[in-house]
Amino acid sequence: MATWAWVVLAVAVVVAALAVVAWLLVSKRRSQELRQRFGPEYDRTVREHDTRGEAEAELRGRVERRKQLDIRELTPDARKRYAQSWREVQAQFVDSPEVAVASAHSLVSSVMSGRGYPVENFEQGAADVSVDHPVVVQNYRSAQAIAAKSVRGEASTEELRQAMQHYRTLFEELLEPGAAEPVPHGATADASDNREEGAEADERTREPSHERLR
């Protein structure tokens, strides 16, 4: 083979190698960005797919779908109404845990819808919420699983108490101003006031006393 041909071949090999390295770096960066954005939801999605590539494709699809949704903040009046409704739901727990959990599910769905998240399909709704609230979306799934057991009459009082706490965690984050993107609890005065006003009722769902929960 002529010298020039060897040179061309060597250059082609180098270019191909550089292309592979560049692709690996880009792929690694995209994986890191998804992991940072979704946190525990990233690991959960990877476990549910055969390959990491399939999982990451789904997560990227969620991000693209989220861009098409009109997610908006609640008005101050709406936040106050929802906060009052939550206090009423919590008050139901002492006398009727099953009813309280069902009401909590309905209220959280109403808040999600008010924010602009589709709620017709639970799994799709959870996937949409995970883009903005990747940490607390697992609370939503756990609460839903217990609510389903409750409908079948299979949930214990302790499980119902846990469901209320799970719903409350997502409820509070969805209610906070600016919650189209995750923000720390207590970052706003309104959210802090809502939590303080509901603290007494929430305490009833946290107490392990069987006399109170029965």
N, C-alpha and C. Protein backbone atom coordinates (compact mmCIF):
# COMPACT_ATOMS: atom_id res chain seq x y z
N MET A 1 0.86 -1.19 0.00
CA MET A 1 0.00 0.00 0.00
C MET A 1 0.89 1.24 0.00
N ALA A 2 0.50 2.20 -0.79
CA ALA A 2 1.28 3.42 -0.91
C ALA A 2 1.30 4.17 0.42
N THR A 3 2.34 4.98 0.59
CA THR A 3 2.49 5.73 1.83
C THR A 3 1.31 6.64 2.09
N TRP A 4 0.83 7.31 1.04
CA TRP A 4 -0.28 8.24 1.21
C TRP A 4 -1.52 7.51 1.69
N ALA A 5 -1.67 6.24 1.23
CA ALA A 5 -2.84 5.46 1.64
C ALA A 5 -2.78 5.14 3.13
N TRP A 6 -1.56 4.80 3.60
CA TRP A 6 -1.39 4.54 5.04
C TRP A 6 -1.71 5.80 5.86
N VAL A 7 -1.30 6.93 5.34
CA VAL A 7 -1.57 8.18 6.04
C VAL A 7 -3.07 8.44 6.13
N VAL A 8 -3.74 8.22 4.99
CA VAL A 8 -5.20 8.42 4.98
C VAL A 8 -5.88 7.47 5.95
N LEU A 9 -5.43 6.21 5.97
CA LEU A 9 -6.01 5.21 6.87
C LEU A 9 -5.79 5.60 8.33
N ALA A 10 -4.57 6.06 8.62
CA ALA A 10 -4.25 6.45 9.99
C ALA A 10 -5.11 7.62 10.43
N VAL A 11 -5.28 8.59 9.55
CA VAL A 11 -6.12 9.75 9.87
C VAL A 11 -7.56 9.33 10.10
N ALA A 12 -8.04 8.40 9.27
CA ALA A 12 -9.42 7.92 9.41
C ALA A 12 -9.62 7.22 10.75
N VAL A 13 -8.63 6.43 11.15
CA VAL A 13 -8.71 5.72 12.43
C VAL A 13 -8.74 6.72 13.59
N VAL A 14 -7.88 7.73 13.51
CA VAL A 14 -7.83 8.74 14.56
C VAL A 14 -9.16 9.49 14.64
N VAL A 15 -9.69 9.87 13.49
CA VAL A 15 -10.96 10.59 13.45
C VAL A 15 -12.08 9.73 14.05
N ALA A 16 -12.09 8.45 13.68
CA ALA A 16 -13.11 7.55 14.21
C ALA A 16 -12.98 7.41 15.72
N ALA A 17 -11.75 7.30 16.19
CA ALA A 17 -11.51 7.16 17.63
C ALA A 17 -11.98 8.42 18.37
N LEU A 18 -11.66 9.58 17.80
CA LEU A 18 -12.08 10.83 18.41
C LEU A 18 -13.60 10.95 18.44
N ALA A 19 -14.25 10.47 17.39
CA ALA A 19 -15.71 10.51 17.32
C ALA A 19 -16.32 9.64 18.41
N VAL A 20 -15.71 8.46 18.61
CA VAL A 20 -16.21 7.55 19.66
C VAL A 20 -16.04 8.18 21.03
N VAL A 21 -14.87 8.77 21.26
CA VAL A 21 -14.61 9.42 22.55
C VAL A 21 -15.60 10.56 22.78
N ALA A 22 -15.82 11.36 21.73
CA ALA A 22 -16.75 12.48 21.85
C ALA A 22 -18.16 11.98 22.17
N TRP A 23 -18.57 10.90 21.49
CA TRP A 23 -19.90 10.34 21.73
C TRP A 23 -20.02 9.83 23.16
N LEU A 24 -18.98 9.17 23.66
CA LEU A 24 -19.00 8.65 25.03
C LEU A 24 -19.08 9.80 26.04
N LEU A 25 -18.34 10.87 25.77
CA LEU A 25 -18.37 12.02 26.69
C LEU A 25 -19.74 12.68 26.71
N VAL A 26 -20.33 12.84 25.52
CA VAL A 26 -21.66 13.44 25.44
C VAL A 26 -22.68 12.55 26.14
N SER A 27 -22.59 11.24 25.90
CA SER A 27 -23.51 10.30 26.53
C SER A 27 -23.37 10.33 28.05
N LYS A 28 -22.12 10.40 28.52
CA LYS A 28 -21.89 10.45 29.96
C LYS A 28 -22.46 11.73 30.55
N ARG A 29 -22.27 12.85 29.85
CA ARG A 29 -22.77 14.12 30.34
C ARG A 29 -24.30 14.10 30.40
N ARG A 30 -24.94 13.54 29.37
CA ARG A 30 -26.40 13.46 29.38
C ARG A 30 -26.90 12.59 30.52
N SER A 31 -26.20 11.50 30.77
CA SER A 31 -26.58 10.62 31.88
C SER A 31 -26.46 11.36 33.21
N GLN A 32 -25.38 12.10 33.38
CA GLN A 32 -25.19 12.85 34.61
C GLN A 32 -26.26 13.92 34.79
N GLU A 33 -26.63 14.57 33.69
CA GLU A 33 -27.67 15.60 33.77
C GLU A 33 -29.01 14.99 34.17
N LEU A 34 -29.33 13.82 33.59
CA LEU A 34 -30.58 13.16 33.94
C LEU A 34 -30.56 12.70 35.40
N ARG A 35 -29.43 12.15 35.83
CA ARG A 35 -29.32 11.68 37.21
C ARG A 35 -29.48 12.84 38.19
N GLN A 36 -28.86 13.98 37.85
CA GLN A 36 -28.97 15.15 38.73
C GLN A 36 -30.39 15.70 38.74
N ARG A 37 -31.04 15.65 37.60
CA ARG A 37 -32.39 16.21 37.51
C ARG A 37 -33.42 15.34 38.20
N PHE A 38 -33.32 14.02 38.02
CA PHE A 38 -34.36 13.12 38.52
C PHE A 38 -34.01 12.45 39.85
N GLY A 39 -32.75 12.49 40.24
CA GLY A 39 -32.37 11.91 41.53
C GLY A 39 -32.82 10.46 41.68
N PRO A 40 -33.55 10.14 42.77
CA PRO A 40 -33.99 8.76 43.00
C PRO A 40 -34.91 8.23 41.91
N GLU A 41 -35.60 9.13 41.22
CA GLU A 41 -36.48 8.69 40.14
C GLU A 41 -35.66 8.13 38.97
N TYR A 42 -34.43 8.63 38.80
CA TYR A 42 -33.54 8.09 37.77
C TYR A 42 -33.23 6.63 38.07
N ASP A 43 -32.83 6.35 39.30
CA ASP A 43 -32.48 4.98 39.68
C ASP A 43 -33.70 4.06 39.57
N ARG A 44 -34.84 4.55 39.97
CA ARG A 44 -36.06 3.74 39.88
C ARG A 44 -36.38 3.39 38.43
N THR A 45 -36.25 4.36 37.54
CA THR A 45 -36.56 4.13 36.13
C THR A 45 -35.56 3.16 35.51
N VAL A 46 -34.30 3.27 35.88
CA VAL A 46 -33.29 2.35 35.36
C VAL A 46 -33.61 0.92 35.79
N ARG A 47 -34.04 0.75 37.04
CA ARG A 47 -34.37 -0.60 37.53
C ARG A 47 -35.54 -1.20 36.77
N GLU A 48 -36.42 -0.36 36.26
CA GLU A 48 -37.63 -0.85 35.60
C GLU A 48 -37.43 -1.13 34.11
N HIS A 49 -36.24 -0.84 33.59
CA HIS A 49 -35.98 -1.08 32.17
C HIS A 49 -34.85 -2.08 31.98
N ASP A 50 -34.82 -2.66 30.81
CA ASP A 50 -33.79 -3.66 30.52
C ASP A 50 -32.41 -3.03 30.41
N THR A 51 -32.35 -1.83 29.88
CA THR A 51 -31.05 -1.17 29.70
C THR A 51 -31.13 0.27 30.21
N ARG A 52 -29.98 0.81 30.54
CA ARG A 52 -29.91 2.21 30.97
C ARG A 52 -30.34 3.14 29.83
N GLY A 53 -29.98 2.76 28.60
CA GLY A 53 -30.34 3.59 27.46
C GLY A 53 -31.85 3.74 27.32
N GLU A 54 -32.59 2.63 27.53
CA GLU A 54 -34.05 2.69 27.44
C GLU A 54 -34.62 3.57 28.54
N ALA A 55 -34.06 3.44 29.75
CA ALA A 55 -34.53 4.25 30.87
C ALA A 55 -34.30 5.73 30.61
N GLU A 56 -33.12 6.06 30.11
CA GLU A 56 -32.80 7.46 29.87
C GLU A 56 -33.64 8.02 28.72
N ALA A 57 -33.96 7.18 27.76
CA ALA A 57 -34.83 7.64 26.66
C ALA A 57 -36.21 7.99 27.21
N GLU A 58 -36.70 7.19 28.15
CA GLU A 58 -38.00 7.49 28.75
C GLU A 58 -37.95 8.81 29.53
N LEU A 59 -36.88 8.99 30.31
CA LEU A 59 -36.76 10.23 31.09
C LEU A 59 -36.67 11.45 30.18
N ARG A 60 -35.92 11.32 29.09
CA ARG A 60 -35.84 12.45 28.14
C ARG A 60 -37.21 12.71 27.53
N GLY A 61 -37.97 11.64 27.30
CA GLY A 61 -39.31 11.79 26.77
C GLY A 61 -40.22 12.53 27.76
N ARG A 62 -40.03 12.26 29.05
CA ARG A 62 -40.82 12.97 30.06
C ARG A 62 -40.53 14.46 30.02
N VAL A 63 -39.25 14.79 29.88
CA VAL A 63 -38.86 16.20 29.85
C VAL A 63 -39.50 16.89 28.64
N GLU A 64 -39.48 16.22 27.51
CA GLU A 64 -40.06 16.82 26.30
C GLU A 64 -41.57 16.97 26.45
N ARG A 65 -42.22 15.97 27.04
CA ARG A 65 -43.67 16.06 27.25
C ARG A 65 -43.99 17.20 28.21
N ARG A 66 -43.16 17.33 29.25
CA ARG A 66 -43.39 18.39 30.24
C ARG A 66 -43.35 19.77 29.58
N LYS A 67 -42.51 19.92 28.57
CA LYS A 67 -42.41 21.22 27.89
C LYS A 67 -43.72 21.59 27.19
N GLN A 68 -44.51 20.59 26.85
CA GLN A 68 -45.77 20.84 26.15
C GLN A 68 -46.92 21.14 27.10
N LEU A 69 -46.71 20.93 28.40
CA LEU A 69 -47.76 21.16 29.37
C LEU A 69 -47.75 22.61 29.85
N ASP A 70 -48.91 23.12 30.13
CA ASP A 70 -49.03 24.48 30.66
C ASP A 70 -49.08 24.42 32.18
N ILE A 71 -47.92 24.22 32.80
CA ILE A 71 -47.84 24.13 34.25
C ILE A 71 -47.79 25.55 34.82
N ARG A 72 -48.63 25.82 35.77
CA ARG A 72 -48.76 27.17 36.31
C ARG A 72 -48.86 27.14 37.83
N GLU A 73 -48.59 28.28 38.42
CA GLU A 73 -48.74 28.41 39.86
C GLU A 73 -50.21 28.61 40.22
N LEU A 74 -50.55 28.23 41.43
CA LEU A 74 -51.89 28.50 41.93
C LEU A 74 -51.97 29.95 42.40
N THR A 75 -53.14 30.51 42.35
CA THR A 75 -53.32 31.85 42.89
C THR A 75 -53.30 31.77 44.41
N PRO A 76 -53.00 32.87 45.09
CA PRO A 76 -53.03 32.86 46.56
C PRO A 76 -54.36 32.39 47.12
N ASP A 77 -55.46 32.81 46.51
CA ASP A 77 -56.78 32.38 46.99
C ASP A 77 -56.96 30.88 46.83
N ALA A 78 -56.49 30.35 45.70
CA ALA A 78 -56.61 28.92 45.47
C ALA A 78 -55.78 28.14 46.48
N ARG A 79 -54.58 28.63 46.78
CA ARG A 79 -53.75 27.96 47.78
C ARG A 79 -54.43 27.93 49.14
N LYS A 80 -55.05 29.04 49.50
CA LYS A 80 -55.75 29.09 50.79
C LYS A 80 -56.92 28.11 50.82
N ARG A 81 -57.67 28.04 49.71
CA ARG A 81 -58.81 27.11 49.66
C ARG A 81 -58.34 25.67 49.77
N TYR A 82 -57.28 25.35 49.03
CA TYR A 82 -56.77 23.99 49.09
C TYR A 82 -56.22 23.66 50.48
N ALA A 83 -55.54 24.62 51.09
CA ALA A 83 -54.99 24.39 52.43
C ALA A 83 -56.11 24.12 53.43
N GLN A 84 -57.20 24.88 53.31
CA GLN A 84 -58.34 24.65 54.20
C GLN A 84 -58.95 23.28 53.95
N SER A 85 -59.05 22.90 52.69
CA SER A 85 -59.60 21.59 52.35
C SER A 85 -58.74 20.48 52.93
N TRP A 86 -57.41 20.69 52.90
CA TRP A 86 -56.53 19.66 53.46
C TRP A 86 -56.74 19.51 54.96
N ARG A 87 -56.91 20.62 55.66
CA ARG A 87 -57.15 20.54 57.10
C ARG A 87 -58.43 19.77 57.39
N GLU A 88 -59.44 19.97 56.56
CA GLU A 88 -60.69 19.26 56.74
C GLU A 88 -60.52 17.76 56.47
N VAL A 89 -59.71 17.45 55.46
CA VAL A 89 -59.44 16.05 55.14
C VAL A 89 -58.70 15.39 56.30
N GLN A 90 -57.71 16.06 56.84
CA GLN A 90 -56.96 15.48 57.95
C GLN A 90 -57.84 15.25 59.17
N ALA A 91 -58.78 16.15 59.38
CA ALA A 91 -59.67 16.01 60.52
C ALA A 91 -60.53 14.76 60.40
N GLN A 92 -60.76 14.29 59.17
CA GLN A 92 -61.55 13.08 58.96
C GLN A 92 -60.83 11.82 59.42
N PHE A 93 -59.50 11.90 59.49
CA PHE A 93 -58.72 10.68 59.70
C PHE A 93 -59.05 9.98 61.02
N VAL A 94 -59.27 10.75 62.07
CA VAL A 94 -59.50 10.15 63.39
C VAL A 94 -60.71 9.23 63.37
N ASP A 95 -61.79 9.68 62.76
CA ASP A 95 -63.02 8.90 62.77
C ASP A 95 -63.16 7.96 61.58
N SER A 96 -62.54 8.32 60.46
CA SER A 96 -62.69 7.49 59.26
C SER A 96 -61.44 7.56 58.39
N PRO A 97 -60.40 6.77 58.75
CA PRO A 97 -59.14 6.82 58.00
C PRO A 97 -59.32 6.51 56.51
N GLU A 98 -60.16 5.54 56.19
CA GLU A 98 -60.35 5.16 54.79
C GLU A 98 -60.92 6.32 53.98
N VAL A 99 -61.92 7.00 54.55
CA VAL A 99 -62.52 8.14 53.85
C VAL A 99 -61.50 9.26 53.71
N ALA A 100 -60.70 9.47 54.75
CA ALA A 100 -59.70 10.54 54.71
C ALA A 100 -58.68 10.29 53.60
N VAL A 101 -58.23 9.06 53.46
CA VAL A 101 -57.24 8.74 52.42
C VAL A 101 -57.85 8.94 51.03
N ALA A 102 -59.09 8.50 50.85
CA ALA A 102 -59.75 8.69 49.56
C ALA A 102 -59.91 10.18 49.26
N SER A 103 -60.25 10.95 50.29
CA SER A 103 -60.41 12.40 50.10
C SER A 103 -59.07 13.06 49.80
N ALA A 104 -58.01 12.58 50.47
CA ALA A 104 -56.68 13.12 50.22
C ALA A 104 -56.26 12.88 48.79
N HIS A 105 -56.53 11.67 48.29
CA HIS A 105 -56.20 11.36 46.89
C HIS A 105 -56.94 12.29 45.95
N SER A 106 -58.22 12.50 46.22
CA SER A 106 -59.03 13.37 45.37
C SER A 106 -58.52 14.80 45.41
N LEU A 107 -58.14 15.25 46.61
CA LEU A 107 -57.67 16.63 46.75
C LEU A 107 -56.33 16.84 46.05
N VAL A 108 -55.41 15.89 46.19
CA VAL A 108 -54.12 16.00 45.51
C VAL A 108 -54.33 16.00 44.00
N SER A 109 -55.24 15.17 43.52
CA SER A 109 -55.54 15.14 42.08
C SER A 109 -56.08 16.49 41.62
N SER A 110 -56.91 17.09 42.47
CA SER A 110 -57.48 18.40 42.13
C SER A 110 -56.40 19.46 42.05
N VAL A 111 -55.45 19.43 42.99
CA VAL A 111 -54.35 20.40 42.97
C VAL A 111 -53.48 20.18 41.73
N MET A 112 -53.18 18.92 41.42
CA MET A 112 -52.40 18.63 40.23
C MET A 112 -53.08 19.18 38.98
N SER A 113 -54.39 18.93 38.89
CA SER A 113 -55.13 19.42 37.73
C SER A 113 -55.12 20.94 37.69
N GLY A 114 -55.26 21.57 38.86
CA GLY A 114 -55.23 23.02 38.93
C GLY A 114 -53.89 23.60 38.51
N ARG A 115 -52.83 22.84 38.74
CA ARG A 115 -51.50 23.28 38.33
C ARG A 115 -51.25 23.05 36.84
N GLY A 116 -52.07 22.17 36.23
CA GLY A 116 -51.91 21.90 34.81
C GLY A 116 -51.42 20.51 34.47
N TYR A 117 -51.26 19.64 35.48
CA TYR A 117 -50.83 18.27 35.24
C TYR A 117 -52.03 17.40 34.88
N PRO A 118 -51.96 16.63 33.79
CA PRO A 118 -53.04 15.71 33.47
C PRO A 118 -53.17 14.64 34.55
N VAL A 119 -54.38 14.29 34.93
CA VAL A 119 -54.58 13.32 36.01
C VAL A 119 -55.47 12.15 35.58
N GLU A 120 -55.79 12.08 34.29
CA GLU A 120 -56.68 11.02 33.83
C GLU A 120 -56.05 9.64 34.02
N ASN A 121 -54.75 9.55 33.83
CA ASN A 121 -54.04 8.28 33.97
C ASN A 121 -52.99 8.43 35.07
N PHE A 122 -53.05 7.58 36.09
CA PHE A 122 -52.16 7.76 37.24
C PHE A 122 -50.69 7.67 36.85
N GLU A 123 -50.30 6.65 36.12
CA GLU A 123 -48.89 6.47 35.78
C GLU A 123 -48.36 7.63 34.96
N GLN A 124 -49.18 8.10 34.02
CA GLN A 124 -48.73 9.25 33.21
C GLN A 124 -48.64 10.49 34.06
N GLY A 125 -49.61 10.66 34.97
CA GLY A 125 -49.57 11.82 35.86
C GLY A 125 -48.34 11.80 36.74
N ALA A 126 -48.01 10.62 37.27
CA ALA A 126 -46.82 10.50 38.12
C ALA A 126 -45.56 10.80 37.31
N ALA A 127 -45.52 10.34 36.07
CA ALA A 127 -44.36 10.59 35.22
C ALA A 127 -44.22 12.08 34.94
N ASP A 128 -45.34 12.76 34.69
CA ASP A 128 -45.30 14.20 34.43
C ASP A 128 -44.83 14.96 35.67
N VAL A 129 -45.36 14.60 36.82
CA VAL A 129 -44.97 15.27 38.06
C VAL A 129 -43.50 15.04 38.38
N SER A 130 -42.97 13.87 38.00
CA SER A 130 -41.59 13.52 38.34
C SER A 130 -40.58 14.48 37.72
N VAL A 131 -40.95 15.13 36.62
CA VAL A 131 -40.01 16.05 35.97
C VAL A 131 -39.73 17.26 36.87
N ASP A 132 -40.77 17.76 37.53
CA ASP A 132 -40.63 18.92 38.41
C ASP A 132 -40.42 18.54 39.87
N HIS A 133 -40.91 17.37 40.26
CA HIS A 133 -40.85 16.96 41.66
C HIS A 133 -40.35 15.52 41.77
N PRO A 134 -39.11 15.28 41.34
CA PRO A 134 -38.61 13.90 41.27
C PRO A 134 -38.43 13.23 42.62
N VAL A 135 -38.29 14.01 43.67
CA VAL A 135 -38.08 13.41 44.99
C VAL A 135 -39.41 12.95 45.60
N VAL A 136 -40.41 13.81 45.56
CA VAL A 136 -41.67 13.49 46.24
C VAL A 136 -42.62 12.64 45.40
N VAL A 137 -42.31 12.43 44.13
CA VAL A 137 -43.23 11.63 43.31
C VAL A 137 -43.36 10.22 43.84
N GLN A 138 -42.32 9.71 44.52
CA GLN A 138 -42.42 8.39 45.10
C GLN A 138 -43.46 8.37 46.22
N ASN A 139 -43.62 9.49 46.92
CA ASN A 139 -44.68 9.58 47.92
C ASN A 139 -46.04 9.39 47.27
N TYR A 140 -46.19 9.97 46.10
CA TYR A 140 -47.45 9.86 45.35
C TYR A 140 -47.73 8.40 45.00
N ARG A 141 -46.72 7.71 44.52
CA ARG A 141 -46.90 6.31 44.15
C ARG A 141 -47.21 5.44 45.37
N SER A 142 -46.49 5.69 46.46
CA SER A 142 -46.71 4.90 47.68
C SER A 142 -48.12 5.13 48.22
N ALA A 143 -48.55 6.40 48.22
CA ALA A 143 -49.88 6.72 48.71
C ALA A 143 -50.95 6.07 47.84
N GLN A 144 -50.74 6.10 46.52
CA GLN A 144 -51.70 5.50 45.60
C GLN A 144 -51.82 4.00 45.84
N ALA A 145 -50.69 3.34 46.08
CA ALA A 145 -50.71 1.89 46.33
C ALA A 145 -51.52 1.57 47.59
N ILE A 146 -51.34 2.37 48.63
CA ILE A 146 -52.08 2.13 49.87
C ILE A 146 -53.56 2.46 49.67
N ALA A 147 -53.86 3.52 48.92
CA ALA A 147 -55.24 3.88 48.65
C ALA A 147 -55.95 2.75 47.91
N ALA A 148 -55.24 2.10 47.00
CA ALA A 148 -55.82 0.98 46.27
C ALA A 148 -56.11 -0.18 47.22
N LYS A 149 -55.20 -0.45 48.18
CA LYS A 149 -55.43 -1.48 49.18
C LYS A 149 -56.63 -1.12 50.05
N SER A 150 -56.77 0.16 50.35
CA SER A 150 -57.88 0.61 51.18
C SER A 150 -59.21 0.34 50.50
N VAL A 151 -59.27 0.57 49.20
CA VAL A 151 -60.51 0.31 48.45
C VAL A 151 -60.89 -1.16 48.56
N ARG A 152 -59.88 -2.03 48.61
CA ARG A 152 -60.14 -3.47 48.72
C ARG A 152 -60.33 -3.91 50.17
N GLY A 153 -60.23 -2.95 51.09
CA GLY A 153 -60.39 -3.28 52.50
C GLY A 153 -59.20 -4.00 53.09
N GLU A 154 -58.01 -3.81 52.50
CA GLU A 154 -56.83 -4.56 52.94
C GLU A 154 -55.79 -3.69 53.63
N ALA A 155 -56.00 -2.40 53.75
CA ALA A 155 -55.00 -1.50 54.33
C ALA A 155 -55.18 -1.39 55.84
N SER A 156 -54.08 -1.47 56.57
CA SER A 156 -54.13 -1.30 58.02
C SER A 156 -54.19 0.18 58.36
N THR A 157 -54.55 0.48 59.61
CA THR A 157 -54.60 1.87 60.05
C THR A 157 -53.24 2.54 59.91
N GLU A 158 -52.17 1.79 60.23
CA GLU A 158 -50.84 2.36 60.10
C GLU A 158 -50.51 2.68 58.64
N GLU A 159 -50.90 1.82 57.73
CA GLU A 159 -50.67 2.08 56.31
C GLU A 159 -51.46 3.31 55.86
N LEU A 160 -52.68 3.44 56.34
CA LEU A 160 -53.48 4.61 55.99
C LEU A 160 -52.85 5.89 56.52
N ARG A 161 -52.29 5.80 57.72
CA ARG A 161 -51.58 6.96 58.28
C ARG A 161 -50.40 7.33 57.39
N GLN A 162 -49.66 6.33 56.92
CA GLN A 162 -48.53 6.58 56.04
C GLN A 162 -48.99 7.21 54.73
N ALA A 163 -50.12 6.73 54.22
CA ALA A 163 -50.65 7.29 52.97
C ALA A 163 -50.96 8.77 53.13
N MET A 164 -51.54 9.14 54.27
CA MET A 164 -51.84 10.54 54.52
C MET A 164 -50.57 11.38 54.53
N GLN A 165 -49.52 10.86 55.14
CA GLN A 165 -48.26 11.58 55.16
C GLN A 165 -47.66 11.71 53.77
N HIS A 166 -47.76 10.64 52.98
CA HIS A 166 -47.25 10.68 51.61
C HIS A 166 -48.01 11.74 50.79
N TYR A 167 -49.33 11.70 50.90
CA TYR A 167 -50.13 12.68 50.16
C TYR A 167 -49.79 14.11 50.61
N ARG A 168 -49.61 14.28 51.91
CA ARG A 168 -49.32 15.62 52.42
C ARG A 168 -47.99 16.15 51.86
N THR A 169 -47.00 15.29 51.77
CA THR A 169 -45.69 15.72 51.26
C THR A 169 -45.81 16.28 49.85
N LEU A 170 -46.50 15.55 48.97
CA LEU A 170 -46.68 16.03 47.60
C LEU A 170 -47.60 17.25 47.57
N PHE A 171 -48.65 17.21 48.37
CA PHE A 171 -49.60 18.32 48.43
C PHE A 171 -48.89 19.63 48.77
N GLU A 172 -48.04 19.60 49.79
CA GLU A 172 -47.35 20.82 50.21
C GLU A 172 -46.43 21.35 49.11
N GLU A 173 -45.74 20.45 48.44
CA GLU A 173 -44.82 20.91 47.40
C GLU A 173 -45.57 21.48 46.21
N LEU A 174 -46.69 20.86 45.85
CA LEU A 174 -47.48 21.37 44.74
C LEU A 174 -48.11 22.71 45.07
N LEU A 175 -48.39 22.94 46.35
CA LEU A 175 -49.08 24.16 46.75
C LEU A 175 -48.16 25.36 46.81
N GLU A 176 -46.86 25.13 46.99
CA GLU A 176 -45.94 26.24 47.21
C GLU A 176 -45.81 27.12 45.97
N PRO A 177 -45.75 28.44 46.17
CA PRO A 177 -45.50 29.33 45.03
C PRO A 177 -44.17 28.98 44.39
N GLY A 178 -44.15 29.00 43.06
CA GLY A 178 -42.91 28.69 42.35
C GLY A 178 -42.64 27.21 42.28
N ALA A 179 -43.62 26.37 42.63
CA ALA A 179 -43.38 24.93 42.68
C ALA A 179 -43.43 24.26 41.32
N ALA A 180 -43.48 25.05 40.23
CA ALA A 180 -43.29 24.46 38.91
C ALA A 180 -41.89 23.89 38.83
N GLU A 181 -41.00 24.41 39.68
CA GLU A 181 -39.67 23.84 39.87
C GLU A 181 -39.53 23.53 41.35
N PRO A 182 -38.84 22.44 41.72
CA PRO A 182 -38.74 22.07 43.12
C PRO A 182 -38.11 23.18 43.96
N VAL A 183 -38.71 23.45 45.11
CA VAL A 183 -38.15 24.42 46.06
C VAL A 183 -38.18 23.81 47.44
N PRO A 184 -37.27 24.20 48.33
CA PRO A 184 -37.24 23.63 49.67
C PRO A 184 -38.49 24.00 50.46
N HIS A 185 -38.95 23.07 51.31
CA HIS A 185 -40.05 23.40 52.20
C HIS A 185 -39.63 24.55 53.10
N GLY A 186 -40.55 25.47 53.35
CA GLY A 186 -40.24 26.60 54.22
C GLY A 186 -39.63 27.76 53.47
N ALA A 187 -39.51 27.66 52.14
CA ALA A 187 -38.86 28.72 51.39
C ALA A 187 -39.76 29.93 51.21
N THR A 188 -41.07 29.75 51.44
CA THR A 188 -41.98 30.86 51.27
C THR A 188 -42.84 31.01 52.49
N ALA A 189 -43.28 32.23 52.73
CA ALA A 189 -44.09 32.49 53.91
C ALA A 189 -45.44 31.81 53.81
N ASP A 190 -46.06 31.84 52.62
CA ASP A 190 -47.37 31.23 52.47
C ASP A 190 -47.34 29.75 52.77
N ALA A 191 -46.33 29.04 52.21
CA ALA A 191 -46.25 27.61 52.43
C ALA A 191 -46.00 27.32 53.90
N SER A 192 -45.16 28.13 54.53
CA SER A 192 -44.87 27.93 55.94
C SER A 192 -46.13 28.12 56.76
N ASP A 193 -46.93 29.15 56.43
CA ASP A 193 -48.17 29.39 57.17
C ASP A 193 -49.12 28.23 57.01
N ASN A 194 -49.21 27.68 55.78
CA ASN A 194 -50.10 26.56 55.54
C ASN A 194 -49.72 25.38 56.39
N ARG A 195 -48.41 25.11 56.48
CA ARG A 195 -47.97 23.95 57.26
C ARG A 195 -48.23 24.16 58.74
N GLU A 196 -48.01 25.41 59.23
CA GLU A 196 -48.24 25.66 60.64
C GLU A 196 -49.71 25.52 60.99
N GLU A 197 -50.59 26.02 60.10
CA GLU A 197 -52.01 25.95 60.36
C GLU A 197 -52.51 24.51 60.37
N GLY A 198 -51.84 23.64 59.56
CA GLY A 198 -52.28 22.25 59.50
C GLY A 198 -51.52 21.34 60.43
N ALA A 199 -50.59 21.88 61.21
CA ALA A 199 -49.72 21.04 62.04
C ALA A 199 -50.51 20.25 63.07
N GLU A 200 -51.50 20.93 63.69
CA GLU A 200 -52.24 20.24 64.75
C GLU A 200 -53.00 19.05 64.20
N ALA A 201 -53.65 19.24 63.04
CA ALA A 201 -54.39 18.12 62.43
C ALA A 201 -53.44 17.05 61.95
N ASP A 202 -52.30 17.46 61.40
CA ASP A 202 -51.33 16.48 60.90
C ASP A 202 -50.77 15.64 62.02
N GLU A 203 -50.65 16.23 63.21
CA GLU A 203 -50.11 15.50 64.35
C GLU A 203 -50.97 14.28 64.65
N ARG A 204 -52.27 14.41 64.39
CA ARG A 204 -53.16 13.29 64.69
C ARG A 204 -52.88 12.11 63.77
N THR A 205 -52.41 12.38 62.54
CA THR A 205 -52.10 11.28 61.63
C THR A 205 -50.74 10.70 61.89
N ARG A 206 -49.86 11.43 62.60
CA ARG A 206 -48.53 10.92 62.88
C ARG A 206 -48.49 10.10 64.16
N GLU A 207 -49.37 10.41 65.12
CA GLU A 207 -49.30 9.73 66.40
C GLU A 207 -49.59 8.25 66.23
N PRO A 208 -48.77 7.39 66.84
CA PRO A 208 -48.96 5.96 66.71
C PRO A 208 -50.01 5.40 67.64
N SER A 209 -50.60 6.23 68.51
CA SER A 209 -51.55 5.75 69.52
C SER A 209 -52.73 5.08 68.85
N HIS A 210 -52.97 3.81 69.23
CA HIS A 210 -54.10 3.08 68.66
C HIS A 210 -55.42 3.68 69.14
N GLU A 211 -55.45 4.25 70.35
CA GLU A 211 -56.67 4.84 70.83
C GLU A 211 -57.09 6.01 69.97
N ARG A 212 -56.10 6.78 69.44
CA ARG A 212 -56.43 7.93 68.62
C ARG A 212 -56.78 7.50 67.20
N LEU A 213 -56.10 6.49 66.69
CA LEU A 213 -56.28 6.13 65.29
C LEU A 213 -57.48 5.23 65.06
N ARG A 214 -57.91 4.51 66.05
CA ARG A 214 -59.05 3.61 65.82
C ARG A 214 -60.34 4.38 65.62
